[in-house]
Amino acid sequence: MTHPFRAAVEAGDIDAALRLLADDVVFLSPVAHKPYQGKEATETILRAVFTVFEDLRYVREIGTDDAALVFEARIGDKALNGCDFIRLDRDGLISEFMVMIRPMSGLQALADAMAKKLSQP
């Protein structure tokens, strides 16, 4: 069974993915030192990531409710691997979303692209 977040992303439906977030979700970025708190901040990050990643594809799913979603993507000429670690609350909404990325060159490409994207008005 495919995790609902994965299904939404694979369908290209960012709005459906964002509806799965709890109001008090905590987003742990592979780039930022401090976690992002709340749905609004997490939505901003995920919308930007959705436009920055190229050729995003999930390649493995571990778990059913709380899950690890392993993915591959590209940013320009930099290929990267990553994993979305998703924890659900009692209502089945995403309460914690942690992202890990490798290699360092892919992480740096993500950091640069996100900084540019989030600095735009």
PDB file of N, CA and C in Angstrom:
ATOM      1  N   MET A   1       0.840  -1.174   0.000  1.00  0.00           N
ATOM      2  CA  MET A   1       0.000   0.000   0.000  1.00  0.00           C
ATOM      3  C   MET A   1       0.894   1.250   0.000  1.00  0.00           C
ATOM      4  N   THR A   2       0.590   2.190  -0.842  1.00  0.00           N
ATOM      5  CA  THR A   2       1.380   3.410  -0.967  1.00  0.00           C
ATOM      6  C   THR A   2       0.961   4.424   0.092  1.00  0.00           C
ATOM      7  N   HIS A   3       1.962   5.043   0.741  1.00  0.00           N
ATOM      8  CA  HIS A   3       1.674   6.075   1.736  1.00  0.00           C
ATOM      9  C   HIS A   3       0.953   7.233   1.049  1.00  0.00           C
ATOM     10  N   PRO A   4      -0.060   7.823   1.689  1.00  0.00           N
ATOM     11  CA  PRO A   4      -0.819   8.916   1.062  1.00  0.00           C
ATOM     12  C   PRO A   4       0.050  10.113   0.650  1.00  0.00           C
ATOM     13  N   PHE A   5       1.089  10.441   1.409  1.00  0.00           N
ATOM     14  CA  PHE A   5       1.960  11.556   1.020  1.00  0.00           C
ATOM     15  C   PHE A   5       2.683  11.213  -0.277  1.00  0.00           C
ATOM     16  N   ARG A   6       3.216  10.019  -0.350  1.00  0.00           N
ATOM     17  CA  ARG A   6       3.895   9.576  -1.576  1.00  0.00           C
ATOM     18  C   ARG A   6       2.939   9.599  -2.757  1.00  0.00           C
ATOM     19  N   ALA A   7       1.735   9.087  -2.566  1.00  0.00           N
ATOM     20  CA  ALA A   7       0.750   9.054  -3.657  1.00  0.00           C
ATOM     21  C   ALA A   7       0.447  10.463  -4.163  1.00  0.00           C
ATOM     22  N   ALA A   8       0.300  11.415  -3.248  1.00  0.00           N
ATOM     23  CA  ALA A   8       0.000  12.794  -3.649  1.00  0.00           C
ATOM     24  C   ALA A   8       1.158  13.392  -4.433  1.00  0.00           C
ATOM     25  N   VAL A   9       2.382  13.201  -3.943  1.00  0.00           N
ATOM     26  CA  VAL A   9       3.557  13.745  -4.629  1.00  0.00           C
ATOM     27  C   VAL A   9       3.706  13.109  -6.007  1.00  0.00           C
ATOM     28  N   GLU A  10       3.564  11.796  -6.081  1.00  0.00           N
ATOM     29  CA  GLU A  10       3.709  11.106  -7.365  1.00  0.00           C
ATOM     30  C   GLU A  10       2.628  11.517  -8.354  1.00  0.00           C
ATOM     31  N   ALA A  11       1.473  11.938  -7.849  1.00  0.00           N
ATOM     32  CA  ALA A  11       0.393  12.419  -8.722  1.00  0.00           C
ATOM     33  C   ALA A  11       0.603  13.884  -9.114  1.00  0.00           C
ATOM     34  N   GLY A  12       1.627  14.520  -8.540  1.00  0.00           N
ATOM     35  CA  GLY A  12       1.872  15.932  -8.821  1.00  0.00           C
ATOM     36  C   GLY A  12       0.900  16.861  -8.131  1.00  0.00           C
ATOM     37  N   ASP A  13       0.254  16.367  -7.070  1.00  0.00           N
ATOM     38  CA  ASP A  13      -0.781  17.134  -6.374  1.00  0.00           C
ATOM     39  C   ASP A  13      -0.245  17.649  -5.034  1.00  0.00           C
ATOM     40  N   ILE A  14       0.469  18.756  -5.077  1.00  0.00           N
ATOM     41  CA  ILE A  14       1.061  19.322  -3.871  1.00  0.00           C
ATOM     42  C   ILE A  14      -0.007  19.703  -2.850  1.00  0.00           C
ATOM     43  N   ASP A  15      -1.161  20.182  -3.321  1.00  0.00           N
ATOM     44  CA  ASP A  15      -2.224  20.564  -2.390  1.00  0.00           C
ATOM     45  C   ASP A  15      -2.723  19.361  -1.590  1.00  0.00           C
ATOM     46  N   ALA A  16      -2.853  18.214  -2.250  1.00  0.00           N
ATOM     47  CA  ALA A  16      -3.270  16.998  -1.537  1.00  0.00           C
ATOM     48  C   ALA A  16      -2.208  16.593  -0.517  1.00  0.00           C
ATOM     49  N   ALA A  17      -0.943  16.734  -0.872  1.00  0.00           N
ATOM     50  CA  ALA A  17       0.140  16.410   0.060  1.00  0.00           C
ATOM     51  C   ALA A  17       0.091  17.329   1.272  1.00  0.00           C
ATOM     52  N   LEU A  18      -0.160  18.609   1.041  1.00  0.00           N
ATOM     53  CA  LEU A  18      -0.178  19.583   2.130  1.00  0.00           C
ATOM     54  C   LEU A  18      -1.383  19.397   3.052  1.00  0.00           C
ATOM     55  N   ARG A  19      -2.474  18.875   2.539  1.00  0.00           N
ATOM     56  CA  ARG A  19      -3.650  18.607   3.386  1.00  0.00           C
ATOM     57  C   ARG A  19      -3.374  17.517   4.416  1.00  0.00           C
ATOM     58  N   LEU A  20      -2.304  16.779   4.240  1.00  0.00           N
ATOM     59  CA  LEU A  20      -1.942  15.706   5.164  1.00  0.00           C
ATOM     60  C   LEU A  20      -1.150  16.205   6.371  1.00  0.00           C
ATOM     61  N   LEU A  21      -0.795  17.495   6.382  1.00  0.00           N
ATOM     62  CA  LEU A  21      -0.005  18.060   7.474  1.00  0.00           C
ATOM     63  C   LEU A  21      -0.887  18.455   8.657  1.00  0.00           C
ATOM     64  N   ALA A  22      -0.431  18.133   9.851  1.00  0.00           N
ATOM     65  CA  ALA A  22      -1.088  18.613  11.068  1.00  0.00           C
ATOM     66  C   ALA A  22      -0.779  20.097  11.227  1.00  0.00           C
ATOM     67  N   ASP A  23      -1.644  20.829  11.909  1.00  0.00           N
ATOM     68  CA  ASP A  23      -1.424  22.262  12.124  1.00  0.00           C
ATOM     69  C   ASP A  23      -0.118  22.528  12.869  1.00  0.00           C
ATOM     70  N   ASP A  24       0.264  21.624  13.764  1.00  0.00           N
ATOM     71  CA  ASP A  24       1.470  21.821  14.567  1.00  0.00           C
ATOM     72  C   ASP A  24       2.661  20.986  14.074  1.00  0.00           C
ATOM     73  N   VAL A  25       2.668  20.652  12.791  1.00  0.00           N
ATOM     74  CA  VAL A  25       3.739  19.845  12.208  1.00  0.00           C
ATOM     75  C   VAL A  25       5.094  20.504  12.455  1.00  0.00           C
ATOM     76  N   VAL A  26       6.098  19.657  12.626  1.00  0.00           N
ATOM     77  CA  VAL A  26       7.479  20.099  12.764  1.00  0.00           C
ATOM     78  C   VAL A  26       8.238  19.566  11.551  1.00  0.00           C
ATOM     79  N   PHE A  27       8.914  20.481  10.842  1.00  0.00           N
ATOM     80  CA  PHE A  27       9.687  20.104   9.659  1.00  0.00           C
ATOM     81  C   PHE A  27      11.164  20.227   9.976  1.00  0.00           C
ATOM     82  N   LEU A  28      11.880  19.117   9.838  1.00  0.00           N
ATOM     83  CA  LEU A  28      13.316  19.072  10.099  1.00  0.00           C
ATOM     84  C   LEU A  28      14.037  19.012   8.754  1.00  0.00           C
ATOM     85  N   SER A  29      14.661  20.116   8.412  1.00  0.00           N
ATOM     86  CA  SER A  29      15.326  20.293   7.125  1.00  0.00           C
ATOM     87  C   SER A  29      16.735  19.713   7.159  1.00  0.00           C
ATOM     88  N   PRO A  30      17.208  19.210   6.010  1.00  0.00           N
ATOM     89  CA  PRO A  30      18.597  18.761   5.961  1.00  0.00           C
ATOM     90  C   PRO A  30      19.573  19.936   5.902  1.00  0.00           C
ATOM     91  N   VAL A  31      19.055  21.148   5.719  1.00  0.00           N
ATOM     92  CA  VAL A  31      19.891  22.332   5.546  1.00  0.00           C
ATOM     93  C   VAL A  31      19.855  23.244   6.767  1.00  0.00           C
ATOM     94  N   ALA A  32      18.680  23.450   7.335  1.00  0.00           N
ATOM     95  CA  ALA A  32      18.515  24.403   8.441  1.00  0.00           C
ATOM     96  C   ALA A  32      18.814  23.748   9.786  1.00  0.00           C
ATOM     97  N   HIS A  33      19.437  24.507  10.670  1.00  0.00           N
ATOM     98  CA  HIS A  33      19.788  23.996  11.997  1.00  0.00           C
ATOM     99  C   HIS A  33      18.547  23.825  12.873  1.00  0.00           C
ATOM    100  N   LYS A  34      17.673  24.828  12.854  1.00  0.00           N
ATOM    101  CA  LYS A  34      16.471  24.779  13.690  1.00  0.00           C
ATOM    102  C   LYS A  34      15.290  24.214  12.904  1.00  0.00           C
ATOM    103  N   PRO A  35      14.436  23.453  13.573  1.00  0.00           N
ATOM    104  CA  PRO A  35      13.230  22.942  12.903  1.00  0.00           C
ATOM    105  C   PRO A  35      12.276  24.078  12.542  1.00  0.00           C
ATOM    106  N   TYR A  36      11.515  23.868  11.490  1.00  0.00           N
ATOM    107  CA  TYR A  36      10.429  24.778  11.133  1.00  0.00           C
ATOM    108  C   TYR A  36       9.193  24.305  11.877  1.00  0.00           C
ATOM    109  N   GLN A  37       8.490  25.224  12.507  1.00  0.00           N
ATOM    110  CA  GLN A  37       7.325  24.895  13.325  1.00  0.00           C
ATOM    111  C   GLN A  37       6.040  25.319  12.620  1.00  0.00           C
ATOM    112  N   GLY A  38       5.088  24.411  12.533  1.00  0.00           N
ATOM    113  CA  GLY A  38       3.758  24.741  12.053  1.00  0.00           C
ATOM    114  C   GLY A  38       3.526  24.490  10.576  1.00  0.00           C
ATOM    115  N   LYS A  39       2.240  24.424  10.262  1.00  0.00           N
ATOM    116  CA  LYS A  39       1.808  24.077   8.909  1.00  0.00           C
ATOM    117  C   LYS A  39       2.205  25.143   7.887  1.00  0.00           C
ATOM    118  N   GLU A  40       2.061  26.416   8.242  1.00  0.00           N
ATOM    119  CA  GLU A  40       2.354  27.473   7.275  1.00  0.00           C
ATOM    120  C   GLU A  40       3.826  27.450   6.844  1.00  0.00           C
ATOM    121  N   ALA A  41       4.730  27.333   7.794  1.00  0.00           N
ATOM    122  CA  ALA A  41       6.156  27.292   7.472  1.00  0.00           C
ATOM    123  C   ALA A  41       6.500  26.050   6.651  1.00  0.00           C
ATOM    124  N   THR A  42       5.926  24.915   7.036  1.00  0.00           N
ATOM    125  CA  THR A  42       6.197  23.663   6.330  1.00  0.00           C
ATOM    126  C   THR A  42       5.644  23.711   4.915  1.00  0.00           C
ATOM    127  N   GLU A  43       4.460  24.293   4.734  1.00  0.00           N
ATOM    128  CA  GLU A  43       3.890  24.433   3.389  1.00  0.00           C
ATOM    129  C   GLU A  43       4.806  25.265   2.496  1.00  0.00           C
ATOM    130  N   THR A  44       5.333  26.347   3.033  1.00  0.00           N
ATOM    131  CA  THR A  44       6.230  27.205   2.253  1.00  0.00           C
ATOM    132  C   THR A  44       7.438  26.410   1.769  1.00  0.00           C
ATOM    133  N   ILE A  45       8.042  25.644   2.665  1.00  0.00           N
ATOM    134  CA  ILE A  45       9.213  24.838   2.316  1.00  0.00           C
ATOM    135  C   ILE A  45       8.851  23.776   1.280  1.00  0.00           C
ATOM    136  N   LEU A  46       7.779  23.031   1.519  1.00  0.00           N
ATOM    137  CA  LEU A  46       7.424  21.943   0.605  1.00  0.00           C
ATOM    138  C   LEU A  46       7.016  22.457  -0.776  1.00  0.00           C
ATOM    139  N   ARG A  47       6.316  23.577  -0.841  1.00  0.00           N
ATOM    140  CA  ARG A  47       5.976  24.152  -2.153  1.00  0.00           C
ATOM    141  C   ARG A  47       7.233  24.526  -2.926  1.00  0.00           C
ATOM    142  N   ALA A  48       8.219  25.089  -2.234  1.00  0.00           N
ATOM    143  CA  ALA A  48       9.472  25.458  -2.889  1.00  0.00           C
ATOM    144  C   ALA A  48      10.225  24.212  -3.352  1.00  0.00           C
ATOM    145  N   VAL A  49      10.311  23.213  -2.489  1.00  0.00           N
ATOM    146  CA  VAL A  49      11.004  21.973  -2.845  1.00  0.00           C
ATOM    147  C   VAL A  49      10.346  21.326  -4.065  1.00  0.00           C
ATOM    148  N   PHE A  50       9.031  21.382  -4.118  1.00  0.00           N
ATOM    149  CA  PHE A  50       8.283  20.771  -5.210  1.00  0.00           C
ATOM    150  C   PHE A  50       8.703  21.371  -6.563  1.00  0.00           C
ATOM    151  N   THR A  51       9.103  22.639  -6.568  1.00  0.00           N
ATOM    152  CA  THR A  51       9.524  23.279  -7.815  1.00  0.00           C
ATOM    153  C   THR A  51      11.031  23.158  -8.045  1.00  0.00           C
ATOM    154  N   VAL A  52      11.810  22.921  -7.002  1.00  0.00           N
ATOM    155  CA  VAL A  52      13.264  22.856  -7.115  1.00  0.00           C
ATOM    156  C   VAL A  52      13.734  21.466  -7.561  1.00  0.00           C
ATOM    157  N   PHE A  53      13.132  20.410  -7.011  1.00  0.00           N
ATOM    158  CA  PHE A  53      13.525  19.051  -7.396  1.00  0.00           C
ATOM    159  C   PHE A  53      13.094  18.764  -8.824  1.00  0.00           C
ATOM    160  N   GLU A  54      13.994  18.147  -9.565  1.00  0.00           N
ATOM    161  CA  GLU A  54      13.678  17.674 -10.905  1.00  0.00           C
ATOM    162  C   GLU A  54      13.713  16.146 -10.883  1.00  0.00           C
ATOM    163  N   ASP A  55      12.845  15.540 -11.667  1.00  0.00           N
ATOM    164  CA  ASP A  55      12.811  14.073 -11.794  1.00  0.00           C
ATOM    165  C   ASP A  55      12.682  13.360 -10.446  1.00  0.00           C
ATOM    166  N   LEU A  56      11.907  13.946  -9.526  1.00  0.00           N
ATOM    167  CA  LEU A  56      11.703  13.318  -8.222  1.00  0.00           C
ATOM    168  C   LEU A  56      10.942  12.010  -8.391  1.00  0.00           C
ATOM    169  N   ARG A  57      11.481  10.969  -7.793  1.00  0.00           N
ATOM    170  CA  ARG A  57      10.791   9.679  -7.816  1.00  0.00           C
ATOM    171  C   ARG A  57      11.105   8.927  -6.528  1.00  0.00           C
ATOM    172  N   TYR A  58      10.052   8.387  -5.925  1.00  0.00           N
ATOM    173  CA  TYR A  58      10.242   7.540  -4.755  1.00  0.00           C
ATOM    174  C   TYR A  58      10.638   6.155  -5.241  1.00  0.00           C
ATOM    175  N   VAL A  59      11.629   5.574  -4.586  1.00  0.00           N
ATOM    176  CA  VAL A  59      12.142   4.277  -5.016  1.00  0.00           C
ATOM    177  C   VAL A  59      11.943   3.176  -3.980  1.00  0.00           C
ATOM    178  N   ARG A  60      11.571   3.583  -2.759  1.00  0.00           N
ATOM    179  CA  ARG A  60      11.347   2.582  -1.716  1.00  0.00           C
ATOM    180  C   ARG A  60      10.519   3.196  -0.608  1.00  0.00           C
ATOM    181  N   GLU A  61       9.685   2.381  -0.018  1.00  0.00           N
ATOM    182  CA  GLU A  61       8.845   2.822   1.091  1.00  0.00           C
ATOM    183  C   GLU A  61       8.972   1.813   2.221  1.00  0.00           C
ATOM    184  N   ILE A  62       9.282   2.334   3.410  1.00  0.00           N
ATOM    185  CA  ILE A  62       9.453   1.472   4.570  1.00  0.00           C
ATOM    186  C   ILE A  62       8.435   1.906   5.616  1.00  0.00           C
ATOM    187  N   GLY A  63       7.585   0.991   6.042  1.00  0.00           N
ATOM    188  CA  GLY A  63       6.551   1.310   7.022  1.00  0.00           C
ATOM    189  C   GLY A  63       5.234   1.646   6.342  1.00  0.00           C
ATOM    190  N   THR A  64       4.207   1.806   7.160  1.00  0.00           N
ATOM    191  CA  THR A  64       2.884   2.096   6.608  1.00  0.00           C
ATOM    192  C   THR A  64       2.337   3.424   7.101  1.00  0.00           C
ATOM    193  N   ASP A  65       2.188   3.588   8.403  1.00  0.00           N
ATOM    194  CA  ASP A  65       1.703   4.863   8.950  1.00  0.00           C
ATOM    195  C   ASP A  65       2.898   5.801   9.101  1.00  0.00           C
ATOM    196  N   ASP A  66       3.689   5.616  10.161  1.00  0.00           N
ATOM    197  CA  ASP A  66       4.984   6.279  10.224  1.00  0.00           C
ATOM    198  C   ASP A  66       5.820   5.608   9.145  1.00  0.00           C
ATOM    199  N   ALA A  67       6.470   6.393   8.309  1.00  0.00           N
ATOM    200  CA  ALA A  67       7.120   5.798   7.143  1.00  0.00           C
ATOM    201  C   ALA A  67       8.423   6.496   6.807  1.00  0.00           C
ATOM    202  N   ALA A  68       9.265   5.760   6.099  1.00  0.00           N
ATOM    203  CA  ALA A  68      10.473   6.301   5.491  1.00  0.00           C
ATOM    204  C   ALA A  68      10.281   6.152   3.984  1.00  0.00           C
ATOM    205  N   LEU A  69      10.279   7.277   3.282  1.00  0.00           N
ATOM    206  CA  LEU A  69      10.071   7.284   1.836  1.00  0.00           C
ATOM    207  C   LEU A  69      11.388   7.666   1.166  1.00  0.00           C
ATOM    208  N   VAL A  70      12.050   6.684   0.576  1.00  0.00           N
ATOM    209  CA  VAL A  70      13.349   6.894  -0.055  1.00  0.00           C
ATOM    210  C   VAL A  70      13.119   7.421  -1.463  1.00  0.00           C
ATOM    211  N   PHE A  71      13.865   8.481  -1.822  1.00  0.00           N
ATOM    212  CA  PHE A  71      13.665   9.080  -3.137  1.00  0.00           C
ATOM    213  C   PHE A  71      14.975   9.385  -3.839  1.00  0.00           C
ATOM    214  N   GLU A  72      14.860   9.631  -5.139  1.00  0.00           N
ATOM    215  CA  GLU A  72      15.954  10.122  -5.964  1.00  0.00           C
ATOM    216  C   GLU A  72      15.437  11.366  -6.666  1.00  0.00           C
ATOM    217  N   ALA A  73      16.321  12.316  -6.896  1.00  0.00           N
ATOM    218  CA  ALA A  73      15.944  13.543  -7.586  1.00  0.00           C
ATOM    219  C   ALA A  73      17.203  14.153  -8.182  1.00  0.00           C
ATOM    220  N   ARG A  74      16.992  15.284  -8.828  1.00  0.00           N
ATOM    221  CA  ARG A  74      18.085  16.009  -9.445  1.00  0.00           C
ATOM    222  C   ARG A  74      17.812  17.491  -9.265  1.00  0.00           C
ATOM    223  N   ILE A  75      18.890  18.252  -9.129  1.00  0.00           N
ATOM    224  CA  ILE A  75      18.831  19.710  -9.162  1.00  0.00           C
ATOM    225  C   ILE A  75      19.911  20.121 -10.144  1.00  0.00           C
ATOM    226  N   GLY A  76      19.500  20.559 -11.326  1.00  0.00           N
ATOM    227  CA  GLY A  76      20.478  20.837 -12.372  1.00  0.00           C
ATOM    228  C   GLY A  76      21.230  19.572 -12.715  1.00  0.00           C
ATOM    229  N   ASP A  77      22.558  19.629 -12.639  1.00  0.00           N
ATOM    230  CA  ASP A  77      23.361  18.448 -12.975  1.00  0.00           C
ATOM    231  C   ASP A  77      23.743  17.622 -11.746  1.00  0.00           C
ATOM    232  N   LYS A  78      23.184  17.970 -10.590  1.00  0.00           N
ATOM    233  CA  LYS A  78      23.491  17.258  -9.346  1.00  0.00           C
ATOM    234  C   LYS A  78      22.401  16.247  -9.002  1.00  0.00           C
ATOM    235  N   ALA A  79      22.780  14.975  -9.001  1.00  0.00           N
ATOM    236  CA  ALA A  79      21.852  13.919  -8.597  1.00  0.00           C
ATOM    237  C   ALA A  79      21.942  13.755  -7.086  1.00  0.00           C
ATOM    238  N   LEU A  80      20.820  13.394  -6.478  1.00  0.00           N
ATOM    239  CA  LEU A  80      20.827  13.183  -5.039  1.00  0.00           C
ATOM    240  C   LEU A  80      19.883  12.056  -4.660  1.00  0.00           C
ATOM    241  N   ASN A  81      20.136  11.506  -3.487  1.00  0.00           N
ATOM    242  CA  ASN A  81      19.268  10.513  -2.863  1.00  0.00           C
ATOM    243  C   ASN A  81      18.802  11.125  -1.567  1.00  0.00           C
ATOM    244  N   GLY A  82      17.610  10.743  -1.155  1.00  0.00           N
ATOM    245  CA  GLY A  82      17.121  11.260   0.102  1.00  0.00           C
ATOM    246  C   GLY A  82      16.070  10.358   0.708  1.00  0.00           C
ATOM    247  N   CYS A  83      15.634  10.772   1.874  1.00  0.00           N
ATOM    248  CA  CYS A  83      14.586  10.030   2.556  1.00  0.00           C
ATOM    249  C   CYS A  83      13.713  11.010   3.335  1.00  0.00           C
ATOM    250  N   ASP A  84      12.421  10.883   3.154  1.00  0.00           N
ATOM    251  CA  ASP A  84      11.430  11.613   3.937  1.00  0.00           C
ATOM    252  C   ASP A  84      10.994  10.689   5.067  1.00  0.00           C
ATOM    253  N   PHE A  85      11.277  11.082   6.300  1.00  0.00           N
ATOM    254  CA  PHE A  85      10.828  10.334   7.470  1.00  0.00           C
ATOM    255  C   PHE A  85       9.568  11.012   7.980  1.00  0.00           C
ATOM    256  N   ILE A  86       8.471  10.283   7.961  1.00  0.00           N
ATOM    257  CA  ILE A  86       7.169  10.857   8.295  1.00  0.00           C
ATOM    258  C   ILE A  86       6.613  10.188   9.543  1.00  0.00           C
ATOM    259  N   ARG A  87       6.220  11.024  10.496  1.00  0.00           N
ATOM    260  CA  ARG A  87       5.584  10.533  11.729  1.00  0.00           C
ATOM    261  C   ARG A  87       4.167  11.101  11.767  1.00  0.00           C
ATOM    262  N   LEU A  88       3.206  10.258  12.084  1.00  0.00           N
ATOM    263  CA  LEU A  88       1.810  10.673  12.140  1.00  0.00           C
ATOM    264  C   LEU A  88       1.343  10.892  13.573  1.00  0.00           C
ATOM    265  N   ASP A  89       0.360  11.784  13.711  1.00  0.00           N
ATOM    266  CA  ASP A  89      -0.255  11.993  15.023  1.00  0.00           C
ATOM    267  C   ASP A  89      -1.454  11.049  15.182  1.00  0.00           C
ATOM    268  N   ARG A  90      -2.189  11.190  16.273  1.00  0.00           N
ATOM    269  CA  ARG A  90      -3.348  10.321  16.540  1.00  0.00           C
ATOM    270  C   ARG A  90      -4.440  10.436  15.492  1.00  0.00           C
ATOM    271  N   ASP A  91      -4.508  11.587  14.812  1.00  0.00           N
ATOM    272  CA  ASP A  91      -5.529  11.797  13.784  1.00  0.00           C
ATOM    273  C   ASP A  91      -5.085  11.331  12.405  1.00  0.00           C
ATOM    274  N   GLY A  92      -3.875  10.794  12.305  1.00  0.00           N
ATOM    275  CA  GLY A  92      -3.369  10.312  11.026  1.00  0.00           C
ATOM    276  C   GLY A  92      -2.769  11.412  10.159  1.00  0.00           C
ATOM    277  N   LEU A  93      -2.529  12.583  10.752  1.00  0.00           N
ATOM    278  CA  LEU A  93      -1.894  13.684  10.027  1.00  0.00           C
ATOM    279  C   LEU A  93      -0.399  13.705  10.316  1.00  0.00           C
ATOM    280  N   ILE A  94       0.364  14.278   9.421  1.00  0.00           N
ATOM    281  CA  ILE A  94       1.815  14.316   9.578  1.00  0.00           C
ATOM    282  C   ILE A  94       2.176  15.313  10.673  1.00  0.00           C
ATOM    283  N   SER A  95       2.780  14.800  11.739  1.00  0.00           N
ATOM    284  CA  SER A  95       3.170  15.655  12.867  1.00  0.00           C
ATOM    285  C   SER A  95       4.656  15.983  12.841  1.00  0.00           C
ATOM    286  N   GLU A  96       5.431  15.145  12.189  1.00  0.00           N
ATOM    287  CA  GLU A  96       6.857  15.400  12.044  1.00  0.00           C
ATOM    288  C   GLU A  96       7.299  14.942  10.669  1.00  0.00           C
ATOM    289  N   PHE A  97       8.092  15.775  10.014  1.00  0.00           N
ATOM    290  CA  PHE A  97       8.564  15.499   8.658  1.00  0.00           C
ATOM    291  C   PHE A  97      10.056  15.828   8.637  1.00  0.00           C
ATOM    292  N   MET A  98      10.879  14.800   8.569  1.00  0.00           N
ATOM    293  CA  MET A  98      12.328  14.995   8.558  1.00  0.00           C
ATOM    294  C   MET A  98      12.890  14.522   7.225  1.00  0.00           C
ATOM    295  N   VAL A  99      13.767  15.328   6.654  1.00  0.00           N
ATOM    296  CA  VAL A  99      14.363  14.999   5.361  1.00  0.00           C
ATOM    297  C   VAL A  99      15.871  14.848   5.525  1.00  0.00           C
ATOM    298  N   MET A 100      16.403  13.787   4.943  1.00  0.00           N
ATOM    299  CA  MET A 100      17.852  13.562   4.895  1.00  0.00           C
ATOM    300  C   MET A 100      18.225  13.483   3.411  1.00  0.00           C
ATOM    301  N   ILE A 101      19.386  14.072   3.065  1.00  0.00           N
ATOM    302  CA  ILE A 101      19.836  14.118   1.669  1.00  0.00           C
ATOM    303  C   ILE A 101      21.317  13.744   1.609  1.00  0.00           C
ATOM    304  N   ARG A 102      21.703  13.060   0.548  1.00  0.00           N
ATOM    305  CA  ARG A 102      23.097  12.762   0.245  1.00  0.00           C
ATOM    306  C   ARG A 102      23.279  12.810  -1.254  1.00  0.00           C
ATOM    307  N   PRO A 103      24.412  12.950  -1.827  1.00  0.00           N
ATOM    308  CA  PRO A 103      25.676  13.305  -1.207  1.00  0.00           C
ATOM    309  C   PRO A 103      25.733  14.801  -0.899  1.00  0.00           C
ATOM    310  N   MET A 104      26.855  15.227  -0.358  1.00  0.00           N
ATOM    311  CA  MET A 104      27.018  16.630   0.032  1.00  0.00           C
ATOM    312  C   MET A 104      26.801  17.565  -1.161  1.00  0.00           C
ATOM    313  N   SER A 105      27.243  17.181  -2.339  1.00  0.00           N
ATOM    314  CA  SER A 105      27.069  18.047  -3.520  1.00  0.00           C
ATOM    315  C   SER A 105      25.590  18.224  -3.846  1.00  0.00           C
ATOM    316  N   GLY A 106      24.786  17.191  -3.657  1.00  0.00           N
ATOM    317  CA  GLY A 106      23.344  17.295  -3.863  1.00  0.00           C
ATOM    318  C   GLY A 106      22.692  18.149  -2.789  1.00  0.00           C
ATOM    319  N   LEU A 107      23.150  17.991  -1.554  1.00  0.00           N
ATOM    320  CA  LEU A 107      22.625  18.798  -0.452  1.00  0.00           C
ATOM    321  C   LEU A 107      22.958  20.267  -0.661  1.00  0.00           C
ATOM    322  N   GLN A 108      24.183  20.553  -1.120  1.00  0.00           N
ATOM    323  CA  GLN A 108      24.574  21.942  -1.366  1.00  0.00           C
ATOM    324  C   GLN A 108      23.755  22.541  -2.514  1.00  0.00           C
ATOM    325  N   ALA A 109      23.510  21.752  -3.549  1.00  0.00           N
ATOM    326  CA  ALA A 109      22.675  22.224  -4.657  1.00  0.00           C
ATOM    327  C   ALA A 109      21.265  22.546  -4.165  1.00  0.00           C
ATOM    328  N   LEU A 110      20.730  21.705  -3.274  1.00  0.00           N
ATOM    329  CA  LEU A 110      19.405  21.961  -2.696  1.00  0.00           C
ATOM    330  C   LEU A 110      19.432  23.234  -1.861  1.00  0.00           C
ATOM    331  N   ALA A 111      20.442  23.388  -1.019  1.00  0.00           N
ATOM    332  CA  ALA A 111      20.539  24.581  -0.166  1.00  0.00           C
ATOM    333  C   ALA A 111      20.596  25.845  -1.015  1.00  0.00           C
ATOM    334  N   ASP A 112      21.396  25.828  -2.070  1.00  0.00           N
ATOM    335  CA  ASP A 112      21.527  26.997  -2.943  1.00  0.00           C
ATOM    336  C   ASP A 112      20.215  27.299  -3.666  1.00  0.00           C
ATOM    337  N   ALA A 113      19.587  26.257  -4.210  1.00  0.00           N
ATOM    338  CA  ALA A 113      18.331  26.462  -4.948  1.00  0.00           C
ATOM    339  C   ALA A 113      17.209  26.938  -4.033  1.00  0.00           C
ATOM    340  N   MET A 114      17.147  26.402  -2.821  1.00  0.00           N
ATOM    341  CA  MET A 114      16.110  26.812  -1.882  1.00  0.00           C
ATOM    342  C   MET A 114      16.325  28.246  -1.408  1.00  0.00           C
ATOM    343  N   ALA A 115      17.582  28.623  -1.154  1.00  0.00           N
ATOM    344  CA  ALA A 115      17.869  29.990  -0.733  1.00  0.00           C
ATOM    345  C   ALA A 115      17.436  30.974  -1.812  1.00  0.00           C
ATOM    346  N   LYS A 116      17.725  30.633  -3.044  1.00  0.00           N
ATOM    347  CA  LYS A 116      17.329  31.492  -4.166  1.00  0.00           C
ATOM    348  C   LYS A 116      15.811  31.557  -4.293  1.00  0.00           C
ATOM    349  N   LYS A 117      15.166  30.412  -4.208  1.00  0.00           N
ATOM    350  CA  LYS A 117      13.707  30.329  -4.360  1.00  0.00           C
ATOM    351  C   LYS A 117      12.985  31.087  -3.237  1.00  0.00           C
ATOM    352  N   LEU A 118      13.437  30.915  -2.008  1.00  0.00           N
ATOM    353  CA  LEU A 118      12.754  31.530  -0.870  1.00  0.00           C
ATOM    354  C   LEU A 118      13.072  33.008  -0.717  1.00  0.00           C
ATOM    355  N   SER A 119      14.086  33.483  -1.401  1.00  0.00           N
ATOM    356  CA  SER A 119      14.386  34.919  -1.333  1.00  0.00           C
ATOM    357  C   SER A 119      13.591  35.721  -2.370  1.00  0.00           C
ATOM    358  N   GLN A 120      12.921  35.027  -3.286  1.00  0.00           N
ATOM    359  CA  GLN A 120      12.098  35.704  -4.286  1.00  0.00           C
ATOM    360  C   GLN A 120      10.810  36.191  -3.630  1.00  0.00           C
ATOM    361  N   PRO A 121      10.333  37.382  -4.044  1.00  0.00           N
ATOM    362  CA  PRO A 121       9.096  37.899  -3.442  1.00  0.00           C
ATOM    363  C   PRO A 121       7.874  37.087  -3.811  1.00  0.00           C
TER     364      PRO A 121
END
